[in-house]
Amino acid sequence: MTVEEGARYVAAVYAVIMAVLVAYYIISSRRVSALQRDVQLLEEETRRRQAQATEAGAE
């Protein structure tokens, strides 16, 4: 293997690693966004149920 072939091999491996990291970042950011939406919905539902419980307790 010549130096040029070795450099090409290293560059190809580096490109694959970078592609995997970018894909992982994109997938992770989507998961985080989905989790943030879930947390927001759960907080809204908690507030709604607490308000209902307060109304029921006041009656």
C-alpha atoms as a PDB file:
ATOM      1  CA  MET A   1       0.000   0.000   0.000  1.00  0.00           C
ATOM      2  CA  THR A   2       1.409   3.355  -0.989  1.00  0.00           C
ATOM      3  CA  VAL A   3       1.093   6.537   1.001  1.00  0.00           C
ATOM      4  CA  GLU A   4      -1.533   7.816  -1.443  1.00  0.00           C
ATOM      5  CA  GLU A   5      -3.627   4.660  -1.096  1.00  0.00           C
ATOM      6  CA  GLY A   6      -3.331   4.859   2.678  1.00  0.00           C
ATOM      7  CA  ALA A   7      -4.404   8.493   2.632  1.00  0.00           C
ATOM      8  CA  ARG A   8      -7.434   7.616   0.498  1.00  0.00           C
ATOM      9  CA  TYR A   9      -8.339   4.793   2.867  1.00  0.00           C
ATOM     10  CA  VAL A  10      -8.072   7.073   5.897  1.00  0.00           C
ATOM     11  CA  ALA A  11     -10.148   9.748   4.148  1.00  0.00           C
ATOM     12  CA  ALA A  12     -12.838   7.189   3.270  1.00  0.00           C
ATOM     13  CA  VAL A  13     -12.991   5.888   6.830  1.00  0.00           C
ATOM     14  CA  TYR A  14     -13.157   9.454   8.145  1.00  0.00           C
ATOM     15  CA  ALA A  15     -16.032  10.240   5.752  1.00  0.00           C
ATOM     16  CA  VAL A  16     -17.966   7.178   6.932  1.00  0.00           C
ATOM     17  CA  ILE A  17     -17.426   8.087  10.581  1.00  0.00           C
ATOM     18  CA  MET A  18     -18.582  11.657   9.952  1.00  0.00           C
ATOM     19  CA  ALA A  19     -21.684  10.427   8.101  1.00  0.00           C
ATOM     20  CA  VAL A  20     -22.575   8.147  11.014  1.00  0.00           C
ATOM     21  CA  LEU A  21     -22.092  10.970  13.517  1.00  0.00           C
ATOM     22  CA  VAL A  22     -24.264  13.354  11.498  1.00  0.00           C
ATOM     23  CA  ALA A  23     -27.000  10.725  11.179  1.00  0.00           C
ATOM     24  CA  TYR A  24     -26.821  10.040  14.923  1.00  0.00           C
ATOM     25  CA  TYR A  25     -27.092  13.767  15.659  1.00  0.00           C
ATOM     26  CA  ILE A  26     -30.156  14.127  13.423  1.00  0.00           C
ATOM     27  CA  ILE A  27     -31.879  11.099  14.953  1.00  0.00           C
ATOM     28  CA  SER A  28     -31.071  12.274  18.481  1.00  0.00           C
ATOM     29  CA  SER A  29     -32.397  15.774  17.836  1.00  0.00           C
ATOM     30  CA  ARG A  30     -35.670  14.329  16.538  1.00  0.00           C
ATOM     31  CA  ARG A  31     -35.987  12.137  19.623  1.00  0.00           C
ATOM     32  CA  VAL A  32     -35.320  15.094  21.913  1.00  0.00           C
ATOM     33  CA  SER A  33     -37.946  17.169  20.098  1.00  0.00           C
ATOM     34  CA  ALA A  34     -40.481  14.374  20.455  1.00  0.00           C
ATOM     35  CA  LEU A  35     -39.681  14.006  24.154  1.00  0.00           C
ATOM     36  CA  GLN A  36     -40.059  17.748  24.686  1.00  0.00           C
ATOM     37  CA  ARG A  37     -43.513  17.624  23.070  1.00  0.00           C
ATOM     38  CA  ASP A  38     -44.452  14.667  25.278  1.00  0.00           C
ATOM     39  CA  VAL A  39     -43.347  16.522  28.407  1.00  0.00           C
ATOM     40  CA  GLN A  40     -45.329  19.590  27.367  1.00  0.00           C
ATOM     41  CA  LEU A  41     -48.467  17.518  26.779  1.00  0.00           C
ATOM     42  CA  LEU A  42     -48.051  15.774  30.133  1.00  0.00           C
ATOM     43  CA  GLU A  43     -47.614  19.101  31.922  1.00  0.00           C
ATOM     44  CA  GLU A  44     -50.776  20.458  30.280  1.00  0.00           C
ATOM     45  CA  GLU A  45     -52.700  17.317  31.233  1.00  0.00           C
ATOM     46  CA  THR A  46     -51.429  17.573  34.820  1.00  0.00           C
ATOM     47  CA  ARG A  47     -52.551  21.198  35.058  1.00  0.00           C
ATOM     48  CA  ARG A  48     -55.956  20.297  33.621  1.00  0.00           C
ATOM     49  CA  ARG A  49     -56.466  17.450  36.088  1.00  0.00           C
ATOM     50  CA  GLN A  50     -55.319  19.590  39.008  1.00  0.00           C
ATOM     51  CA  ALA A  51     -57.802  22.280  37.980  1.00  0.00           C
ATOM     52  CA  GLN A  52     -60.579  19.684  37.791  1.00  0.00           C
ATOM     53  CA  ALA A  53     -59.635  18.309  41.209  1.00  0.00           C
ATOM     54  CA  THR A  54     -59.641  21.818  42.655  1.00  0.00           C
ATOM     55  CA  GLU A  55     -63.079  22.494  41.165  1.00  0.00           C
ATOM     56  CA  ALA A  56     -64.408  19.186  42.490  1.00  0.00           C
ATOM     57  CA  GLY A  57     -63.005  19.927  45.937  1.00  0.00           C
ATOM     58  CA  ALA A  58     -64.566  23.389  46.005  1.00  0.00           C
ATOM     59  CA  GLU A  59     -68.055  22.014  45.358  1.00  0.00           C
END
